[in-house]
């Protein structure tokens, strides 16, 4: 199964480029929580999914109104 491995690699790579942390506001937290909820059955730990979702959220414009998943 390639998706979980790809998800892990993408999350870790993005985390490395982001310096491991990013300031999140309430809207970011909402989007990340929604992404984690939708992605939880992909076979990764909550930590990996959270890193992945945070990374995807950080890559999106603040004007985006669609889901990050």
N, C-alpha and C. Protein backbone atom coordinates (compact mmCIF):
# COMPACT_ATOMS: atom_id res chain seq x y z
N UNK A 1 0.85 -1.17 0.00
CA UNK A 1 0.00 0.00 0.00
C UNK A 1 0.90 1.24 0.00
N UNK A 2 0.81 2.04 -1.03
CA UNK A 2 1.70 3.18 -1.19
C UNK A 2 1.21 4.45 -0.50
N UNK A 3 -0.07 4.63 -0.35
CA UNK A 3 -0.61 5.87 0.20
C UNK A 3 -0.09 6.18 1.61
N UNK A 4 -0.13 5.23 2.56
CA UNK A 4 0.39 5.56 3.89
C UNK A 4 1.87 5.93 3.88
N UNK A 5 2.66 5.25 3.07
CA UNK A 5 4.08 5.58 2.98
C UNK A 5 4.26 6.96 2.40
N UNK A 6 3.51 7.27 1.35
CA UNK A 6 3.57 8.59 0.73
C UNK A 6 3.13 9.66 1.72
N UNK A 7 2.09 9.39 2.46
CA UNK A 7 1.60 10.35 3.45
C UNK A 7 2.67 10.62 4.50
N UNK A 8 3.30 9.56 4.98
CA UNK A 8 4.37 9.72 5.96
C UNK A 8 5.52 10.53 5.40
N UNK A 9 5.95 10.20 4.21
CA UNK A 9 7.07 10.92 3.59
C UNK A 9 6.73 12.38 3.37
N UNK A 10 5.54 12.65 2.88
CA UNK A 10 5.13 14.04 2.63
C UNK A 10 5.05 14.82 3.93
N UNK A 11 4.49 14.20 4.95
CA UNK A 11 4.36 14.89 6.23
C UNK A 11 5.71 15.19 6.85
N UNK A 12 6.61 14.24 6.80
CA UNK A 12 7.93 14.46 7.39
C UNK A 12 8.73 15.47 6.57
N UNK A 13 8.65 15.40 5.26
CA UNK A 13 9.38 16.35 4.41
C UNK A 13 8.86 17.76 4.64
N UNK A 14 7.56 17.92 4.70
CA UNK A 14 6.99 19.24 4.91
C UNK A 14 7.36 19.76 6.29
N UNK A 15 7.34 18.91 7.27
CA UNK A 15 7.69 19.30 8.63
C UNK A 15 9.13 19.79 8.68
N UNK A 16 10.01 19.16 7.95
CA UNK A 16 11.41 19.58 7.92
C UNK A 16 11.55 20.97 7.32
N UNK A 17 10.81 21.24 6.25
CA UNK A 17 10.89 22.54 5.61
C UNK A 17 10.23 23.63 6.44
N UNK A 18 9.24 23.27 7.21
CA UNK A 18 8.53 24.25 8.03
C UNK A 18 9.22 24.51 9.36
N UNK A 19 10.30 23.81 9.61
CA UNK A 19 11.00 24.00 10.87
C UNK A 19 10.34 23.28 12.02
N UNK A 20 9.36 22.43 11.73
CA UNK A 20 8.75 21.61 12.76
C UNK A 20 7.58 22.25 13.48
N UNK A 21 7.37 23.52 13.28
CA UNK A 21 6.23 24.15 13.94
C UNK A 21 5.77 25.35 13.13
N UNK A 22 4.53 25.68 13.34
CA UNK A 22 3.97 26.85 12.66
C UNK A 22 2.91 27.45 13.57
N UNK A 23 2.80 28.75 13.54
CA UNK A 23 1.77 29.42 14.34
C UNK A 23 0.42 29.19 13.69
N UNK A 24 -0.53 28.74 14.44
CA UNK A 24 -1.85 28.45 13.90
C UNK A 24 -2.89 29.32 14.60
N UNK A 25 -3.83 29.83 13.81
CA UNK A 25 -4.94 30.56 14.42
C UNK A 25 -6.14 29.62 14.52
N UNK A 26 -7.26 30.13 14.98
CA UNK A 26 -8.44 29.29 15.19
C UNK A 26 -8.94 28.69 13.88
N UNK A 27 -8.87 29.44 12.79
CA UNK A 27 -9.32 28.91 11.50
C UNK A 27 -8.41 27.78 11.04
N UNK A 28 -7.10 27.94 11.22
CA UNK A 28 -6.16 26.88 10.86
C UNK A 28 -6.45 25.63 11.69
N UNK A 29 -6.68 25.81 12.97
CA UNK A 29 -6.96 24.67 13.85
C UNK A 29 -8.21 23.93 13.39
N UNK A 30 -9.22 24.67 12.94
CA UNK A 30 -10.46 24.05 12.45
C UNK A 30 -10.18 23.20 11.22
N UNK A 31 -9.41 23.74 10.27
CA UNK A 31 -9.10 23.01 9.04
C UNK A 31 -8.24 21.78 9.33
N UNK A 32 -7.26 21.92 10.20
CA UNK A 32 -6.40 20.79 10.54
C UNK A 32 -7.23 19.71 11.23
N UNK A 33 -8.10 20.07 12.14
CA UNK A 33 -8.94 19.10 12.83
C UNK A 33 -9.85 18.37 11.85
N UNK A 34 -10.40 19.09 10.89
CA UNK A 34 -11.25 18.46 9.88
C UNK A 34 -10.44 17.49 9.03
N UNK A 35 -9.24 17.89 8.63
CA UNK A 35 -8.37 17.03 7.85
C UNK A 35 -8.01 15.76 8.62
N UNK A 36 -7.66 15.91 9.89
CA UNK A 36 -7.32 14.75 10.72
C UNK A 36 -8.50 13.80 10.79
N UNK A 37 -9.69 14.33 10.97
CA UNK A 37 -10.89 13.51 11.07
C UNK A 37 -11.13 12.72 9.78
N UNK A 38 -10.96 13.37 8.65
CA UNK A 38 -11.20 12.73 7.35
C UNK A 38 -10.10 11.71 7.02
N UNK A 39 -8.87 11.97 7.47
CA UNK A 39 -7.72 11.17 7.08
C UNK A 39 -7.36 10.09 8.10
N UNK A 40 -8.06 10.01 9.20
CA UNK A 40 -7.68 9.12 10.30
C UNK A 40 -7.64 7.64 9.94
N UNK A 41 -8.36 7.22 8.92
CA UNK A 41 -8.40 5.81 8.55
C UNK A 41 -7.37 5.43 7.48
N UNK A 42 -6.37 6.25 7.28
CA UNK A 42 -5.35 5.99 6.25
C UNK A 42 -4.24 5.07 6.74
N UNK A 43 -4.29 4.65 7.99
CA UNK A 43 -3.32 3.70 8.49
C UNK A 43 -2.08 4.31 9.11
N UNK A 44 -2.12 5.60 9.42
CA UNK A 44 -0.99 6.27 10.06
C UNK A 44 -1.38 6.68 11.48
N UNK A 45 -0.38 7.03 12.26
CA UNK A 45 -0.65 7.49 13.62
C UNK A 45 -1.26 8.89 13.57
N UNK A 46 -1.90 9.28 14.65
CA UNK A 46 -2.50 10.61 14.73
C UNK A 46 -1.42 11.68 14.58
N UNK A 47 -0.23 11.41 15.11
CA UNK A 47 0.86 12.37 15.01
C UNK A 47 1.26 12.62 13.56
N UNK A 48 1.40 11.54 12.79
CA UNK A 48 1.78 11.67 11.38
C UNK A 48 0.68 12.39 10.60
N UNK A 49 -0.55 12.03 10.85
CA UNK A 49 -1.67 12.66 10.16
C UNK A 49 -1.74 14.15 10.50
N UNK A 50 -1.50 14.49 11.76
CA UNK A 50 -1.53 15.89 12.18
C UNK A 50 -0.43 16.69 11.49
N UNK A 51 0.76 16.12 11.40
CA UNK A 51 1.86 16.80 10.70
C UNK A 51 1.49 17.00 9.24
N UNK A 52 0.96 15.96 8.60
CA UNK A 52 0.55 16.04 7.20
C UNK A 52 -0.51 17.12 7.00
N UNK A 53 -1.54 17.10 7.83
CA UNK A 53 -2.64 18.06 7.69
C UNK A 53 -2.17 19.49 7.97
N UNK A 54 -1.31 19.65 8.96
CA UNK A 54 -0.76 20.97 9.26
C UNK A 54 0.05 21.49 8.08
N UNK A 55 0.85 20.62 7.51
CA UNK A 55 1.65 20.99 6.34
C UNK A 55 0.75 21.41 5.18
N UNK A 56 -0.25 20.61 4.88
CA UNK A 56 -1.15 20.93 3.78
C UNK A 56 -1.87 22.25 4.04
N UNK A 57 -2.28 22.47 5.28
CA UNK A 57 -2.93 23.72 5.64
C UNK A 57 -2.00 24.91 5.43
N UNK A 58 -0.74 24.76 5.83
CA UNK A 58 0.22 25.85 5.70
C UNK A 58 0.53 26.18 4.24
N UNK A 59 0.36 25.21 3.36
CA UNK A 59 0.64 25.43 1.94
C UNK A 59 -0.53 26.12 1.22
N UNK A 60 -1.68 26.14 1.85
CA UNK A 60 -2.86 26.74 1.21
C UNK A 60 -2.95 28.24 1.51
N UNK A 61 -3.50 28.96 0.57
CA UNK A 61 -3.75 30.38 0.74
C UNK A 61 -4.79 30.59 1.83
N UNK A 62 -4.70 31.68 2.54
CA UNK A 62 -5.69 32.00 3.57
C UNK A 62 -7.06 32.29 2.96
N UNK A 63 -7.09 32.56 1.67
CA UNK A 63 -8.35 32.84 0.99
C UNK A 63 -9.07 31.60 0.51
N UNK A 64 -8.42 30.44 0.61
CA UNK A 64 -9.02 29.19 0.15
C UNK A 64 -10.20 28.83 1.03
N UNK A 65 -11.29 28.40 0.42
CA UNK A 65 -12.50 28.08 1.18
C UNK A 65 -12.87 26.60 1.10
N UNK A 66 -12.08 25.81 0.40
CA UNK A 66 -12.38 24.38 0.29
C UNK A 66 -11.53 23.59 1.27
N UNK A 67 -11.88 22.34 1.42
CA UNK A 67 -11.18 21.46 2.34
C UNK A 67 -9.72 21.25 1.92
N UNK A 68 -8.84 21.02 2.90
CA UNK A 68 -7.44 20.76 2.61
C UNK A 68 -7.19 19.30 2.29
N UNK A 69 -8.20 18.44 2.45
CA UNK A 69 -7.99 17.02 2.19
C UNK A 69 -8.30 16.67 0.75
